[in-house]
Amino acid sequence: MTQHGTTTYSAKPSDIEPQWFVVDAQDMVLGRLASEVARILRGKHKPMFTPHMDTGDHVIVINASKVRVTGNKATQKTYFKHTGYMGHESHTPFATMIAKHPERVIEKAVFGMLPKTTLARQSIRGKLKVYAGADHPHVAQKPTPLTFASLESK
C-alpha cells in the first residue's frame, strides 16, 4: 500500500488473454507502422499493461512487400550485418532487402522499436508473424483487422 491507500495494479498470468490482430501494410510508412505494431506487441494499448509481464497481443502483418518509405530511404537506407571476423561487415541496401526478404524489413523495424530485453525478444519471436503477400495461415485464430487511422496514406 502506498501512503494514500491506493495500490498499483499488476497483471497476473491468469488475467492475460492475448488477442490476434491482422494489419495490412500496403502503402503504409515503415517506421510509423513498426512503432504501432511494437506498441501492440508490448501491450501498451491495454489498461492492464505491466512492464515485467507479457501483456501484448499477436500481430499478423500482411503485404509486407508493399510497405513504403519516405524521403531518400529507398535508395540510401542500408541494413548492417557483421560476421564476427575483422573487416567482415556487409551492408544490404533497402531495395535488395525488400525484393528478397520483405518480411525481415518489418521484423527489423519492429525489433528496433522494442526494448532490448528477454521479454521483448520472446514477444517478437512468438507474437509477430509477417508475410510478404496477402495470405496467411492464421485464419483459425480469427484475427481482428486492425487499422491505424493516423497512418493511412493520403
Protein backbone atom coordinates (compact mmCIF):
# COMPACT_ATOMS: atom_id res chain seq x y z
CA MET A 1 0.00 0.00 0.00
CA THR A 2 1.13 3.49 -0.76
CA GLN A 3 0.69 6.43 1.56
CA HIS A 4 -2.66 7.42 0.09
CA GLY A 5 -4.26 3.99 0.36
CA THR A 6 -4.21 3.08 -3.36
CA THR A 7 -2.43 0.11 -4.86
CA THR A 8 -0.72 -0.23 -8.20
CA TYR A 9 -2.32 -2.80 -10.47
CA SER A 10 -0.06 -5.61 -11.62
CA ALA A 11 -1.33 -8.10 -14.19
CA LYS A 12 -1.31 -11.78 -13.29
CA PRO A 13 -0.78 -14.56 -15.87
CA SER A 14 -4.41 -15.64 -15.39
CA ASP A 15 -5.63 -12.12 -16.31
CA ILE A 16 -3.82 -12.04 -19.67
CA GLU A 17 -5.88 -13.07 -22.70
CA PRO A 18 -3.93 -12.33 -25.88
CA GLN A 19 -5.89 -11.37 -28.97
CA TRP A 20 -4.93 -11.75 -32.64
CA PHE A 21 -4.80 -8.75 -34.99
CA VAL A 22 -4.08 -8.59 -38.71
CA VAL A 23 -2.51 -5.45 -40.21
CA ASP A 24 -2.37 -4.72 -43.93
CA ALA A 25 0.95 -2.96 -44.58
CA GLN A 26 0.13 -1.92 -48.14
CA ASP A 27 1.13 1.73 -48.74
CA MET A 28 1.93 2.30 -45.05
CA VAL A 29 5.10 4.09 -43.97
CA LEU A 30 7.55 1.57 -42.49
CA GLY A 31 8.58 3.40 -39.32
CA ARG A 32 5.11 4.52 -38.35
CA LEU A 33 3.74 1.02 -38.91
CA ALA A 34 6.58 -0.51 -36.87
CA SER A 35 6.01 1.78 -33.89
CA GLU A 36 2.30 0.93 -33.74
CA VAL A 37 2.93 -2.81 -34.11
CA ALA A 38 5.59 -2.64 -31.36
CA ARG A 39 3.09 -0.88 -29.09
CA ILE A 40 0.55 -3.66 -29.59
CA LEU A 41 3.17 -6.43 -29.17
CA ARG A 42 4.25 -4.90 -25.89
CA GLY A 43 0.67 -4.44 -24.65
CA LYS A 44 0.81 -0.68 -24.09
CA HIS A 45 -2.60 -0.24 -25.71
CA LYS A 46 -4.25 -2.09 -22.79
CA PRO A 47 -5.08 -0.56 -19.42
CA MET A 48 -3.66 -3.68 -17.73
CA PHE A 49 -0.13 -3.05 -19.12
CA THR A 50 2.55 -4.28 -16.74
CA PRO A 51 6.20 -3.72 -17.77
CA HIS A 52 7.53 -7.04 -16.45
CA MET A 53 4.69 -9.21 -17.87
CA ASP A 54 3.94 -10.11 -21.48
CA THR A 55 0.52 -8.46 -21.80
CA GLY A 56 0.81 -7.93 -25.56
CA ASP A 57 -1.24 -9.35 -28.40
CA HIS A 58 -0.36 -11.37 -31.51
CA VAL A 59 0.08 -9.33 -34.70
CA ILE A 60 -0.04 -10.65 -38.27
CA VAL A 61 1.35 -8.26 -40.89
CA ILE A 62 0.37 -8.98 -44.50
CA ASN A 63 1.55 -7.33 -47.75
CA ALA A 64 4.99 -6.64 -46.28
CA SER A 65 6.45 -6.26 -49.77
CA LYS A 66 4.20 -3.23 -50.41
CA VAL A 67 5.36 -1.14 -47.46
CA ARG A 68 6.81 2.25 -48.35
CA VAL A 69 9.50 4.54 -47.01
CA THR A 70 9.70 8.31 -47.17
CA GLY A 71 12.38 10.63 -48.45
CA ASN A 72 15.54 9.10 -49.93
CA LYS A 73 15.44 5.96 -47.76
CA ALA A 74 14.54 3.75 -50.73
CA THR A 75 17.98 4.45 -52.20
CA GLN A 76 20.08 5.37 -49.14
CA LYS A 77 18.91 3.06 -46.31
CA THR A 78 21.11 0.03 -45.64
CA TYR A 79 20.97 -2.91 -43.23
CA PHE A 80 24.20 -3.67 -41.37
CA LYS A 81 25.43 -7.17 -40.51
CA HIS A 82 28.74 -8.25 -39.00
CA THR A 83 30.04 -11.82 -39.17
CA GLY A 84 32.33 -11.56 -36.17
CA TYR A 85 35.53 -11.54 -38.20
CA MET A 86 37.58 -8.38 -38.58
CA GLY A 87 36.53 -6.41 -41.64
CA HIS A 88 33.68 -8.80 -42.45
CA GLU A 89 30.73 -6.50 -42.41
CA SER A 90 28.01 -6.31 -45.01
CA HIS A 91 25.63 -3.51 -45.85
CA THR A 92 22.48 -4.61 -47.69
CA PRO A 93 20.53 -1.84 -49.46
CA PHE A 94 16.84 -1.40 -48.68
CA ALA A 95 15.87 -2.13 -52.30
CA THR A 96 17.64 -5.51 -52.22
CA MET A 97 16.18 -6.43 -48.82
CA ILE A 98 12.60 -5.53 -49.80
CA ALA A 99 12.96 -7.54 -53.02
CA LYS A 100 14.49 -10.68 -51.45
CA HIS A 101 13.19 -10.72 -47.86
CA PRO A 102 10.34 -8.21 -47.32
CA GLU A 103 9.43 -9.88 -44.02
CA ARG A 104 12.81 -9.02 -42.50
CA VAL A 105 12.35 -5.32 -43.25
CA ILE A 106 9.32 -5.12 -40.98
CA GLU A 107 10.76 -7.51 -38.38
CA LYS A 108 13.94 -5.42 -38.06
CA ALA A 109 11.96 -2.18 -37.86
CA VAL A 110 9.67 -3.53 -35.13
CA PHE A 111 12.59 -5.03 -33.21
CA GLY A 112 14.27 -1.62 -33.23
CA MET A 113 11.22 -0.12 -31.54
CA LEU A 114 11.14 -2.69 -28.70
CA PRO A 115 13.31 -2.59 -25.58
CA LYS A 116 16.34 -4.88 -25.78
CA THR A 117 15.18 -7.34 -23.14
CA THR A 118 14.46 -11.06 -22.96
CA LEU A 119 10.74 -10.33 -22.79
CA ALA A 120 10.85 -8.26 -25.99
CA ARG A 121 12.83 -10.95 -27.84
CA GLN A 122 10.30 -13.59 -26.78
CA SER A 123 7.37 -11.46 -27.89
CA ILE A 124 8.82 -10.66 -31.32
CA ARG A 125 9.74 -14.31 -31.88
CA GLY A 126 6.39 -15.71 -30.80
CA LYS A 127 3.82 -12.98 -31.40
CA LEU A 128 4.85 -11.25 -34.64
CA LYS A 129 4.03 -13.01 -37.92
CA VAL A 130 4.99 -11.21 -41.14
CA TYR A 131 4.03 -12.34 -44.66
CA ALA A 132 5.06 -10.80 -47.99
CA GLY A 133 1.70 -11.48 -49.67
CA ALA A 134 -1.94 -11.08 -48.72
CA ASP A 135 -2.41 -14.67 -47.50
CA HIS A 136 -1.62 -16.01 -44.02
CA PRO A 137 -2.16 -19.40 -42.36
CA HIS A 138 -3.68 -18.00 -39.13
CA VAL A 139 -7.35 -18.00 -40.15
CA ALA A 140 -8.21 -20.42 -37.32
CA GLN A 141 -7.22 -17.78 -34.73
CA LYS A 142 -9.89 -15.42 -36.16
CA PRO A 143 -7.70 -12.30 -36.23
CA THR A 144 -9.37 -8.92 -36.00
CA PRO A 145 -8.47 -6.44 -38.77
CA LEU A 146 -6.56 -3.53 -37.29
CA THR A 147 -6.34 -0.14 -38.96
CA PHE A 148 -4.40 2.84 -37.78
CA ALA A 149 -6.36 5.95 -38.75
CA SER A 150 -3.32 8.17 -38.25
CA LEU A 151 -1.18 6.04 -40.60
CA GLU A 152 -3.44 5.83 -43.64
CA SER A 153 -1.76 7.31 -46.69
CA LYS A 154 -3.37 10.41 -48.07
